[in-house]
Amino acid sequence: MASQKVLIIDDGKTIRMQIKDMLPSGNFQVLEAKDGMEGLSMIREERPNLILLDCFMPRMNGWEVLDELEAQKDLVGIPLIIMSGRKEEAKDKIPHLDEAFEFLEKPFDQKTLIAAIKSAVAKAKWRQKNGGSSYEQTVSSSQDAKEINQLKATVNALVQQNIKLQSEVEQLKKQVNQIVTFIKQKMG
């Protein structure tokens, strides 16, 4: 018997099959729903450990499912990944999308899916711990917000420094190759 239930709610059978194939091997029971109404019913019956939810579906779309989930405190802790090929439209419908949930822009690969799952689990823990409020709301209301912003700035500076160093290394490689070529020509 599978220990983890993963529910994929998407009106595209191909997408559901692709996600199923991308999930890491393990003790997973993969459940599928072709629209929001079917998905919401399965959420209530099966209590999945992870939900992948498409935004644009017939009968009941993703943000309507999301509204139902957010209204029920016992479902707040379920990690949720919202999927769409139309990110801007999805963000318009769900203003707190990035802060409270993980978003996957279609199409995506396995590496992106795994990273999204990890992030969704972390965000769900924050929502559950903070009574449904999003991670970003919790951080901005805490004393740690300034420290986190400083850390983000430091990370960004390090990323920029890394990019510069990589560029310098590439230039040095070219120069070394030119020197070696020059020496070979003089010796040859």
N, C-alpha and C. Protein backbone atom coordinates (compact mmCIF):
# COMPACT_ATOMS: atom_id res chain seq x y z
N MET A 1 0.84 -1.19 0.00
CA MET A 1 0.00 0.00 0.00
C MET A 1 0.88 1.25 0.00
N ALA A 2 0.52 2.22 -0.79
CA ALA A 2 1.30 3.45 -0.92
C ALA A 2 1.14 4.32 0.33
N SER A 3 2.24 4.94 0.74
CA SER A 3 2.18 5.76 1.94
C SER A 3 1.84 7.22 1.64
N GLN A 4 2.17 7.69 0.44
CA GLN A 4 1.92 9.08 0.08
C GLN A 4 0.92 9.15 -1.08
N LYS A 5 -0.10 9.98 -0.92
CA LYS A 5 -1.09 10.16 -1.98
C LYS A 5 -0.83 11.49 -2.68
N VAL A 6 -0.69 11.41 -4.00
CA VAL A 6 -0.48 12.59 -4.83
C VAL A 6 -1.68 12.72 -5.74
N LEU A 7 -2.35 13.87 -5.69
CA LEU A 7 -3.52 14.11 -6.53
C LEU A 7 -3.17 15.10 -7.63
N ILE A 8 -3.37 14.67 -8.87
CA ILE A 8 -3.15 15.52 -10.03
C ILE A 8 -4.51 15.92 -10.58
N ILE A 9 -4.81 17.21 -10.54
CA ILE A 9 -6.09 17.72 -11.05
C ILE A 9 -5.79 18.53 -12.31
N ASP A 10 -6.10 17.96 -13.45
CA ASP A 10 -5.82 18.61 -14.73
C ASP A 10 -6.75 18.00 -15.77
N ASP A 11 -7.31 18.84 -16.63
CA ASP A 11 -8.23 18.33 -17.65
C ASP A 11 -7.49 17.65 -18.81
N GLY A 12 -6.17 17.76 -18.83
CA GLY A 12 -5.38 17.11 -19.89
C GLY A 12 -4.83 15.78 -19.44
N LYS A 13 -5.31 14.69 -20.05
CA LYS A 13 -4.85 13.35 -19.69
C LYS A 13 -3.35 13.21 -19.92
N THR A 14 -2.84 13.80 -21.01
CA THR A 14 -1.42 13.72 -21.32
C THR A 14 -0.59 14.34 -20.20
N ILE A 15 -1.02 15.50 -19.71
CA ILE A 15 -0.30 16.17 -18.61
C ILE A 15 -0.31 15.29 -17.38
N ARG A 16 -1.45 14.71 -17.06
CA ARG A 16 -1.54 13.85 -15.87
C ARG A 16 -0.57 12.67 -16.00
N MET A 17 -0.51 12.08 -17.18
CA MET A 17 0.39 10.94 -17.39
C MET A 17 1.86 11.37 -17.30
N GLN A 18 2.19 12.54 -17.87
CA GLN A 18 3.57 13.03 -17.82
C GLN A 18 4.01 13.28 -16.38
N ILE A 19 3.14 13.91 -15.61
CA ILE A 19 3.49 14.20 -14.21
C ILE A 19 3.66 12.89 -13.45
N LYS A 20 2.79 11.96 -13.69
CA LYS A 20 2.86 10.65 -13.03
C LYS A 20 4.22 10.00 -13.32
N ASP A 21 4.66 10.09 -14.57
CA ASP A 21 5.96 9.51 -14.96
C ASP A 21 7.13 10.27 -14.35
N MET A 22 6.97 11.58 -14.10
CA MET A 22 8.06 12.41 -13.55
C MET A 22 8.23 12.27 -12.05
N LEU A 23 7.18 11.81 -11.35
CA LEU A 23 7.28 11.70 -9.90
C LEU A 23 8.36 10.70 -9.53
N PRO A 24 9.13 10.99 -8.48
CA PRO A 24 10.20 10.06 -8.09
C PRO A 24 9.61 8.72 -7.68
N SER A 25 10.38 7.68 -7.96
CA SER A 25 9.88 6.36 -7.58
C SER A 25 9.83 6.27 -6.06
N GLY A 26 8.87 5.54 -5.59
CA GLY A 26 8.68 5.43 -4.14
C GLY A 26 7.29 4.94 -3.83
N ASN A 27 6.91 5.15 -2.62
CA ASN A 27 5.61 4.69 -2.16
C ASN A 27 4.54 5.73 -2.41
N PHE A 28 4.23 5.95 -3.69
CA PHE A 28 3.23 6.94 -4.05
C PHE A 28 1.99 6.26 -4.62
N GLN A 29 0.86 6.76 -4.21
CA GLN A 29 -0.39 6.41 -4.86
C GLN A 29 -0.81 7.67 -5.61
N VAL A 30 -0.83 7.58 -6.93
CA VAL A 30 -1.17 8.74 -7.74
C VAL A 30 -2.65 8.70 -8.08
N LEU A 31 -3.34 9.76 -7.68
CA LEU A 31 -4.77 9.90 -7.96
C LEU A 31 -4.92 10.96 -9.05
N GLU A 32 -5.93 10.80 -9.89
CA GLU A 32 -6.14 11.75 -10.98
C GLU A 32 -7.58 12.24 -11.00
N ALA A 33 -7.72 13.53 -11.33
CA ALA A 33 -9.05 14.13 -11.49
C ALA A 33 -9.00 14.99 -12.74
N LYS A 34 -10.07 14.95 -13.53
CA LYS A 34 -10.08 15.66 -14.82
C LYS A 34 -10.67 17.07 -14.75
N ASP A 35 -11.20 17.46 -13.59
CA ASP A 35 -11.69 18.82 -13.41
C ASP A 35 -11.75 19.15 -11.93
N GLY A 36 -12.03 20.41 -11.64
CA GLY A 36 -12.02 20.87 -10.26
C GLY A 36 -13.05 20.21 -9.36
N MET A 37 -14.23 19.94 -9.88
CA MET A 37 -15.27 19.32 -9.05
C MET A 37 -14.85 17.92 -8.63
N GLU A 38 -14.36 17.15 -9.59
CA GLU A 38 -13.89 15.80 -9.29
C GLU A 38 -12.70 15.86 -8.33
N GLY A 39 -11.81 16.83 -8.56
CA GLY A 39 -10.64 16.99 -7.71
C GLY A 39 -10.99 17.34 -6.27
N LEU A 40 -11.92 18.26 -6.11
CA LEU A 40 -12.34 18.67 -4.77
C LEU A 40 -12.97 17.50 -4.02
N SER A 41 -13.76 16.72 -4.72
CA SER A 41 -14.36 15.53 -4.12
C SER A 41 -13.27 14.55 -3.66
N MET A 42 -12.27 14.35 -4.51
CA MET A 42 -11.18 13.43 -4.16
C MET A 42 -10.36 13.96 -2.99
N ILE A 43 -10.18 15.28 -2.92
CA ILE A 43 -9.43 15.87 -1.81
C ILE A 43 -10.14 15.56 -0.50
N ARG A 44 -11.45 15.75 -0.49
CA ARG A 44 -12.23 15.50 0.73
C ARG A 44 -12.24 14.03 1.12
N GLU A 45 -12.32 13.14 0.12
CA GLU A 45 -12.37 11.70 0.39
C GLU A 45 -11.01 11.09 0.71
N GLU A 46 -10.00 11.46 -0.06
CA GLU A 46 -8.71 10.79 0.01
C GLU A 46 -7.66 11.48 0.89
N ARG A 47 -7.83 12.77 1.16
CA ARG A 47 -6.86 13.56 1.93
C ARG A 47 -5.44 13.33 1.42
N PRO A 48 -5.15 13.82 0.20
CA PRO A 48 -3.83 13.59 -0.38
C PRO A 48 -2.73 14.34 0.37
N ASN A 49 -1.49 13.88 0.18
CA ASN A 49 -0.32 14.51 0.80
C ASN A 49 0.25 15.62 -0.08
N LEU A 50 -0.18 15.67 -1.34
CA LEU A 50 0.28 16.68 -2.28
C LEU A 50 -0.77 16.82 -3.37
N ILE A 51 -1.02 18.09 -3.78
CA ILE A 51 -1.99 18.35 -4.86
C ILE A 51 -1.30 19.16 -5.94
N LEU A 52 -1.44 18.71 -7.19
CA LEU A 52 -1.00 19.48 -8.35
C LEU A 52 -2.27 19.91 -9.05
N LEU A 53 -2.49 21.22 -9.15
CA LEU A 53 -3.77 21.77 -9.58
C LEU A 53 -3.62 22.67 -10.80
N ASP A 54 -4.29 22.32 -11.88
CA ASP A 54 -4.31 23.16 -13.07
C ASP A 54 -5.25 24.33 -12.82
N CYS A 55 -4.92 25.48 -13.39
CA CYS A 55 -5.76 26.68 -13.19
C CYS A 55 -7.00 26.67 -14.07
N PHE A 56 -6.84 26.34 -15.34
CA PHE A 56 -7.91 26.51 -16.31
C PHE A 56 -8.50 25.15 -16.70
N MET A 57 -9.69 24.86 -16.14
CA MET A 57 -10.37 23.59 -16.38
C MET A 57 -11.87 23.84 -16.52
N PRO A 58 -12.57 22.89 -17.13
CA PRO A 58 -14.03 23.01 -17.22
C PRO A 58 -14.69 22.73 -15.87
N ARG A 59 -15.96 23.04 -15.80
CA ARG A 59 -16.82 22.84 -14.62
C ARG A 59 -16.39 23.63 -13.40
N MET A 60 -15.19 23.40 -12.89
CA MET A 60 -14.69 24.15 -11.74
C MET A 60 -13.19 24.36 -11.97
N ASN A 61 -12.77 25.62 -12.05
CA ASN A 61 -11.36 25.89 -12.35
C ASN A 61 -10.51 25.85 -11.09
N GLY A 62 -9.21 26.02 -11.26
CA GLY A 62 -8.26 25.91 -10.17
C GLY A 62 -8.45 26.90 -9.04
N TRP A 63 -8.75 28.16 -9.40
CA TRP A 63 -8.89 29.14 -8.31
C TRP A 63 -10.18 28.92 -7.53
N GLU A 64 -11.19 28.33 -8.15
CA GLU A 64 -12.41 27.99 -7.39
C GLU A 64 -12.12 26.86 -6.41
N VAL A 65 -11.31 25.89 -6.86
CA VAL A 65 -10.89 24.81 -5.96
C VAL A 65 -10.06 25.41 -4.81
N LEU A 66 -9.17 26.30 -5.15
CA LEU A 66 -8.32 26.94 -4.15
C LEU A 66 -9.15 27.69 -3.11
N ASP A 67 -10.18 28.41 -3.55
CA ASP A 67 -11.07 29.11 -2.62
C ASP A 67 -11.70 28.14 -1.63
N GLU A 68 -12.14 26.99 -2.15
CA GLU A 68 -12.75 25.96 -1.28
C GLU A 68 -11.73 25.43 -0.27
N LEU A 69 -10.50 25.18 -0.73
CA LEU A 69 -9.46 24.65 0.16
C LEU A 69 -9.10 25.65 1.25
N GLU A 70 -8.97 26.92 0.88
CA GLU A 70 -8.60 27.94 1.86
C GLU A 70 -9.70 28.18 2.89
N ALA A 71 -10.93 27.86 2.55
CA ALA A 71 -12.04 28.05 3.47
C ALA A 71 -12.11 26.94 4.52
N GLN A 72 -11.35 25.86 4.30
CA GLN A 72 -11.40 24.72 5.22
C GLN A 72 -10.04 24.57 5.92
N LYS A 73 -10.01 24.93 7.18
CA LYS A 73 -8.77 24.94 7.95
C LYS A 73 -8.08 23.58 7.98
N ASP A 74 -8.83 22.49 7.91
CA ASP A 74 -8.21 21.16 7.97
C ASP A 74 -7.48 20.80 6.66
N LEU A 75 -7.67 21.60 5.62
CA LEU A 75 -7.01 21.33 4.34
C LEU A 75 -5.85 22.30 4.07
N VAL A 76 -5.64 23.27 4.95
CA VAL A 76 -4.63 24.30 4.75
C VAL A 76 -3.22 23.71 4.65
N GLY A 77 -2.96 22.65 5.38
CA GLY A 77 -1.61 22.10 5.43
C GLY A 77 -1.22 21.21 4.27
N ILE A 78 -2.11 21.01 3.30
CA ILE A 78 -1.77 20.15 2.16
C ILE A 78 -0.90 20.94 1.18
N PRO A 79 0.30 20.43 0.87
CA PRO A 79 1.14 21.12 -0.12
C PRO A 79 0.42 21.20 -1.46
N LEU A 80 0.49 22.38 -2.08
CA LEU A 80 -0.26 22.63 -3.30
C LEU A 80 0.64 23.28 -4.36
N ILE A 81 0.63 22.68 -5.54
CA ILE A 81 1.35 23.24 -6.68
C ILE A 81 0.30 23.61 -7.72
N ILE A 82 0.30 24.88 -8.09
CA ILE A 82 -0.64 25.37 -9.09
C ILE A 82 0.09 25.39 -10.43
N MET A 83 -0.58 24.86 -11.46
CA MET A 83 0.05 24.73 -12.78
C MET A 83 -0.76 25.48 -13.83
N SER A 84 -0.03 26.08 -14.77
CA SER A 84 -0.69 26.72 -15.90
C SER A 84 0.34 27.09 -16.94
N GLY A 85 -0.09 27.16 -18.15
CA GLY A 85 0.75 27.67 -19.23
C GLY A 85 0.60 29.18 -19.37
N ARG A 86 -0.31 29.74 -18.56
CA ARG A 86 -0.59 31.18 -18.62
C ARG A 86 -0.37 31.80 -17.24
N LYS A 87 0.90 32.00 -16.91
CA LYS A 87 1.27 32.45 -15.56
C LYS A 87 0.65 33.80 -15.20
N GLU A 88 0.72 34.76 -16.10
CA GLU A 88 0.21 36.10 -15.77
C GLU A 88 -1.29 36.07 -15.47
N GLU A 89 -2.04 35.31 -16.26
CA GLU A 89 -3.48 35.18 -16.02
C GLU A 89 -3.73 34.53 -14.67
N ALA A 90 -2.95 33.49 -14.36
CA ALA A 90 -3.10 32.80 -13.08
C ALA A 90 -2.78 33.74 -11.92
N LYS A 91 -1.74 34.55 -12.07
CA LYS A 91 -1.38 35.50 -11.01
C LYS A 91 -2.46 36.56 -10.81
N ASP A 92 -3.12 36.94 -11.90
CA ASP A 92 -4.22 37.91 -11.78
C ASP A 92 -5.37 37.32 -10.96
N LYS A 93 -5.63 36.04 -11.16
CA LYS A 93 -6.75 35.37 -10.46
C LYS A 93 -6.39 35.03 -9.02
N ILE A 94 -5.09 34.74 -8.77
CA ILE A 94 -4.65 34.35 -7.43
C ILE A 94 -3.51 35.29 -7.03
N PRO A 95 -3.82 36.44 -6.45
CA PRO A 95 -2.81 37.46 -6.15
C PRO A 95 -1.67 36.97 -5.25
N HIS A 96 -1.96 36.09 -4.33
CA HIS A 96 -0.94 35.60 -3.38
C HIS A 96 -0.32 34.29 -3.86
N LEU A 97 -0.37 34.04 -5.15
CA LEU A 97 0.09 32.79 -5.75
C LEU A 97 1.51 32.42 -5.33
N ASP A 98 2.47 33.28 -5.59
CA ASP A 98 3.88 32.95 -5.33
C ASP A 98 4.20 32.84 -3.85
N GLU A 99 3.53 33.62 -3.03
CA GLU A 99 3.84 33.61 -1.61
C GLU A 99 3.28 32.38 -0.89
N ALA A 100 2.07 32.02 -1.20
CA ALA A 100 1.40 30.96 -0.45
C ALA A 100 1.53 29.59 -1.08
N PHE A 101 1.73 29.55 -2.39
CA PHE A 101 1.74 28.27 -3.09
C PHE A 101 2.90 28.20 -4.06
N GLU A 102 3.15 27.04 -4.54
CA GLU A 102 4.18 26.89 -5.56
C GLU A 102 3.50 26.95 -6.92
N PHE A 103 4.16 27.56 -7.89
CA PHE A 103 3.60 27.67 -9.22
C PHE A 103 4.53 27.00 -10.23
N LEU A 104 3.95 26.19 -11.11
CA LEU A 104 4.70 25.55 -12.19
C LEU A 104 4.14 26.03 -13.51
N GLU A 105 5.00 26.61 -14.32
CA GLU A 105 4.57 27.04 -15.64
C GLU A 105 4.75 25.88 -16.61
N LYS A 106 3.67 25.53 -17.30
CA LYS A 106 3.74 24.44 -18.27
C LYS A 106 4.40 24.92 -19.54
N PRO A 107 5.16 24.11 -20.20
CA PRO A 107 5.61 22.77 -19.79
C PRO A 107 6.77 22.88 -18.81
N PHE A 108 7.02 21.81 -18.07
CA PHE A 108 8.12 21.77 -17.11
C PHE A 108 8.76 20.39 -17.16
N ASP A 109 9.97 20.31 -16.58
CA ASP A 109 10.69 19.04 -16.57
C ASP A 109 10.68 18.45 -15.17
N GLN A 110 11.27 17.26 -15.04
CA GLN A 110 11.26 16.55 -13.76
C GLN A 110 12.00 17.33 -12.67
N LYS A 111 13.14 17.90 -13.01
CA LYS A 111 13.93 18.65 -12.03
C LYS A 111 13.12 19.82 -11.47
N THR A 112 12.41 20.51 -12.34
CA THR A 112 11.57 21.64 -11.92
C THR A 112 10.42 21.15 -11.04
N LEU A 113 9.84 20.01 -11.41
CA LEU A 113 8.75 19.44 -10.62
C LEU A 113 9.22 19.08 -9.21
N ILE A 114 10.37 18.43 -9.10
CA ILE A 114 10.88 18.01 -7.79
C ILE A 114 11.15 19.25 -6.92
N ALA A 115 11.76 20.27 -7.51
CA ALA A 115 12.02 21.51 -6.76
C ALA A 115 10.71 22.15 -6.30
N ALA A 116 9.70 22.12 -7.15
CA ALA A 116 8.39 22.70 -6.80
C ALA A 116 7.74 21.92 -5.66
N ILE A 117 7.89 20.61 -5.67
CA ILE A 117 7.32 19.79 -4.60
C ILE A 117 7.96 20.17 -3.26
N LYS A 118 9.28 20.29 -3.25
CA LYS A 118 9.98 20.65 -2.00
C LYS A 118 9.53 22.03 -1.50
N SER A 119 9.42 22.97 -2.41
CA SER A 119 9.00 24.32 -2.03
C SER A 119 7.55 24.32 -1.56
N ALA A 120 6.69 23.57 -2.22
CA ALA A 120 5.27 23.50 -1.84
C ALA A 120 5.11 22.93 -0.44
N VAL A 121 5.92 21.95 -0.10
CA VAL A 121 5.86 21.35 1.24
C VAL A 121 6.25 22.39 2.29
N ALA A 122 7.32 23.15 2.01
CA ALA A 122 7.76 24.18 2.95
C ALA A 122 6.69 25.26 3.13
N LYS A 123 6.10 25.70 2.02
CA LYS A 123 5.07 26.74 2.09
C LYS A 123 3.82 26.24 2.82
N ALA A 124 3.48 24.97 2.63
CA ALA A 124 2.31 24.40 3.32
C ALA A 124 2.53 24.35 4.83
N LYS A 125 3.77 24.04 5.23
CA LYS A 125 4.09 24.02 6.67
C LYS A 125 3.91 25.41 7.26
N TRP A 126 4.36 26.43 6.53
CA TRP A 126 4.18 27.81 6.99
C TRP A 126 2.70 28.17 7.09
N ARG A 127 1.93 27.81 6.07
CA ARG A 127 0.50 28.13 6.10
C ARG A 127 -0.17 27.45 7.27
N GLN A 128 0.16 26.20 7.50
CA GLN A 128 -0.46 25.46 8.60
C GLN A 128 -0.05 26.04 9.95
N LYS A 129 1.23 26.33 10.09
CA LYS A 129 1.76 26.87 11.35
C LYS A 129 1.17 28.25 11.65
N ASN A 130 0.88 29.01 10.63
CA ASN A 130 0.43 30.38 10.80
C ASN A 130 -1.05 30.57 10.48
N GLY A 131 -1.82 29.53 10.66
CA GLY A 131 -3.27 29.62 10.52
C GLY A 131 -3.74 29.97 9.13
N GLY A 132 -3.01 29.52 8.12
CA GLY A 132 -3.45 29.75 6.75
C GLY A 132 -2.83 30.96 6.09
N SER A 133 -2.13 31.79 6.87
CA SER A 133 -1.49 32.94 6.24
C SER A 133 -0.30 32.47 5.42
N SER A 134 0.02 33.21 4.43
CA SER A 134 1.11 32.81 3.54
C SER A 134 2.46 33.03 4.19
N TYR A 135 3.44 32.38 3.66
CA TYR A 135 4.82 32.52 4.13
C TYR A 135 5.25 33.98 4.09
N GLU A 136 4.99 34.65 2.98
CA GLU A 136 5.42 36.04 2.79
C GLU A 136 4.75 36.96 3.82
N GLN A 137 3.45 36.72 4.09
CA GLN A 137 2.75 37.53 5.08
C GLN A 137 3.38 37.35 6.46
N THR A 138 3.73 36.11 6.78
CA THR A 138 4.32 35.81 8.09
C THR A 138 5.68 36.46 8.21
N VAL A 139 6.50 36.34 7.18
CA VAL A 139 7.84 36.92 7.22
C VAL A 139 7.77 38.43 7.33
N SER A 140 6.91 39.05 6.53
CA SER A 140 6.86 40.51 6.55
C SER A 140 6.33 41.05 7.87
N SER A 141 5.59 40.25 8.59
CA SER A 141 5.06 40.73 9.86
C SER A 141 5.99 40.40 11.03
N SER A 142 7.07 39.70 10.76
CA SER A 142 7.97 39.31 11.84
C SER A 142 9.18 40.24 11.92
N GLN A 143 9.92 40.14 13.00
CA GLN A 143 11.14 40.94 13.18
C GLN A 143 12.25 40.44 12.27
N ASP A 144 12.13 39.22 11.76
CA ASP A 144 13.16 38.63 10.92
C ASP A 144 13.13 39.13 9.48
N ALA A 145 12.15 39.91 9.11
CA ALA A 145 12.01 40.36 7.73
C ALA A 145 13.25 41.12 7.26
N LYS A 146 13.77 41.99 8.12
CA LYS A 146 14.94 42.78 7.74
C LYS A 146 16.14 41.87 7.52
N GLU A 147 16.33 40.91 8.42
CA GLU A 147 17.44 39.96 8.28
C GLU A 147 17.31 39.15 7.00
N ILE A 148 16.13 38.70 6.70
CA ILE A 148 15.90 37.90 5.49
C ILE A 148 16.19 38.74 4.25
N ASN A 149 15.77 39.98 4.25
CA ASN A 149 16.05 40.85 3.11
C ASN A 149 17.55 41.08 2.95
N GLN A 150 18.26 41.21 4.07
CA GLN A 150 19.72 41.37 4.02
C GLN A 150 20.37 40.11 3.45
N LEU A 151 19.88 38.95 3.87
CA LEU A 151 20.40 37.68 3.34
C LEU A 151 20.13 37.55 1.85
N LYS A 152 18.95 37.95 1.42
CA LYS A 152 18.62 37.91 -0.01
C LYS A 152 19.58 38.80 -0.79
N ALA A 153 19.86 39.99 -0.26
CA ALA A 153 20.77 40.91 -0.93
C ALA A 153 22.17 40.32 -1.00
N THR A 154 22.61 39.68 0.08
CA THR A 154 23.92 39.04 0.10
C THR A 154 23.99 37.91 -0.93
N VAL A 155 22.96 37.10 -0.98
CA VAL A 155 22.91 36.01 -1.96
C VAL A 155 22.95 36.57 -3.38
N ASN A 156 22.18 37.60 -3.64
CA ASN A 156 22.19 38.22 -4.97
C ASN A 156 23.58 38.75 -5.33
N ALA A 157 24.25 39.38 -4.35
CA ALA A 157 25.60 39.90 -4.59
C ALA A 157 26.56 38.75 -4.89
N LEU A 158 26.43 37.65 -4.15
CA LEU A 158 27.30 36.49 -4.39
C LEU A 158 27.04 35.87 -5.76
N VAL A 159 25.80 35.83 -6.16
CA VAL A 159 25.46 35.30 -7.49
C VAL A 159 26.11 36.17 -8.57
N GLN A 160 26.01 37.49 -8.41
CA GLN A 160 26.63 38.40 -9.39
C GLN A 160 28.15 38.24 -9.40
N GLN A 161 28.74 38.09 -8.23
CA GLN A 161 30.19 37.89 -8.13
C GLN A 161 30.59 36.58 -8.81
N ASN A 162 29.80 35.53 -8.62
CA ASN A 162 30.06 34.24 -9.24
C ASN A 162 30.02 34.35 -10.77
N ILE A 163 29.04 35.06 -11.27
CA ILE A 163 28.92 35.26 -12.72
C ILE A 163 30.16 35.97 -13.26
N LYS A 164 30.61 37.01 -12.54
CA LYS A 164 31.79 37.77 -12.95
C LYS A 164 33.03 36.87 -12.93
N LEU A 165 33.18 36.07 -11.88
CA LEU A 165 34.33 35.17 -11.78
C LEU A 165 34.33 34.13 -12.90
N GLN A 166 33.16 33.60 -13.22
CA GLN A 166 33.07 32.63 -14.31
C GLN A 166 33.51 33.26 -15.63
N SER A 167 33.13 34.50 -15.85
CA SER A 167 33.52 35.21 -17.06
C SER A 167 35.03 35.41 -17.09
N GLU A 168 35.60 35.78 -15.96
CA GLU A 168 37.06 35.97 -15.89
C GLU A 168 37.80 34.66 -16.13
N VAL A 169 37.31 33.57 -15.60
CA VAL A 169 37.92 32.26 -15.82
C VAL A 169 37.91 31.90 -17.30
N GLU A 170 36.80 32.16 -17.96
CA GLU A 170 36.71 31.89 -19.40
C GLU A 170 37.72 32.72 -20.18
N GLN A 171 37.89 33.99 -19.80
CA GLN A 171 38.87 34.85 -20.46
C GLN A 171 40.29 34.34 -20.23
N LEU A 172 40.59 33.90 -19.01
CA LEU A 172 41.91 33.35 -18.70
C LEU A 172 42.18 32.08 -19.51
N LYS A 173 41.17 31.23 -19.65
CA LYS A 173 41.33 30.01 -20.46
C LYS A 173 41.70 30.37 -21.89
N LYS A 174 41.03 31.35 -22.45
CA LYS A 174 41.33 31.79 -23.81
C LYS A 174 42.76 32.30 -23.91
N GLN A 175 43.18 33.10 -22.93
CA GLN A 175 44.53 33.64 -22.94
C GLN A 175 45.58 32.54 -22.83
N VAL A 176 45.34 31.56 -21.97
CA VAL A 176 46.27 30.43 -21.82
C VAL A 176 46.36 29.66 -23.13
N ASN A 177 45.23 29.43 -23.78
CA ASN A 177 45.23 28.74 -25.07
C ASN A 177 46.03 29.53 -26.11
N GLN A 178 45.89 30.84 -26.11
CA GLN A 178 46.65 31.67 -27.05
C GLN A 178 48.15 31.59 -26.76
N ILE A 179 48.53 31.60 -25.51
CA ILE A 179 49.94 31.50 -25.13
C ILE A 179 50.51 30.15 -25.54
N VAL A 180 49.76 29.08 -25.26
CA VAL A 180 50.20 27.73 -25.63
C VAL A 180 50.36 27.63 -27.14
N THR A 181 49.42 28.16 -27.89
CA THR A 181 49.50 28.15 -29.35
C THR A 181 50.73 28.93 -29.82
N PHE A 182 50.99 30.08 -29.24
CA PHE A 182 52.13 30.90 -29.58
C PHE A 182 53.44 30.15 -29.32
N ILE A 183 53.54 29.52 -28.14
CA ILE A 183 54.75 28.77 -27.77
C ILE A 183 54.97 27.61 -28.74
N LYS A 184 53.90 26.90 -29.09
CA LYS A 184 54.03 25.77 -30.02
C LYS A 184 54.52 26.25 -31.38
N GLN A 185 54.03 27.40 -31.81
CA GLN A 185 54.46 27.95 -33.11
C GLN A 185 55.93 28.34 -33.07
N LYS A 186 56.40 28.92 -32.00
CA LYS A 186 57.79 29.35 -31.88
C LYS A 186 58.74 28.15 -31.75
N MET A 187 58.26 27.10 -31.11
CA MET A 187 59.10 25.92 -30.90
C MET A 187 59.06 24.99 -32.10
N GLY A 188 58.00 25.03 -32.86
CA GLY A 188 57.77 24.10 -33.94
C GLY A 188 58.40 24.49 -35.20
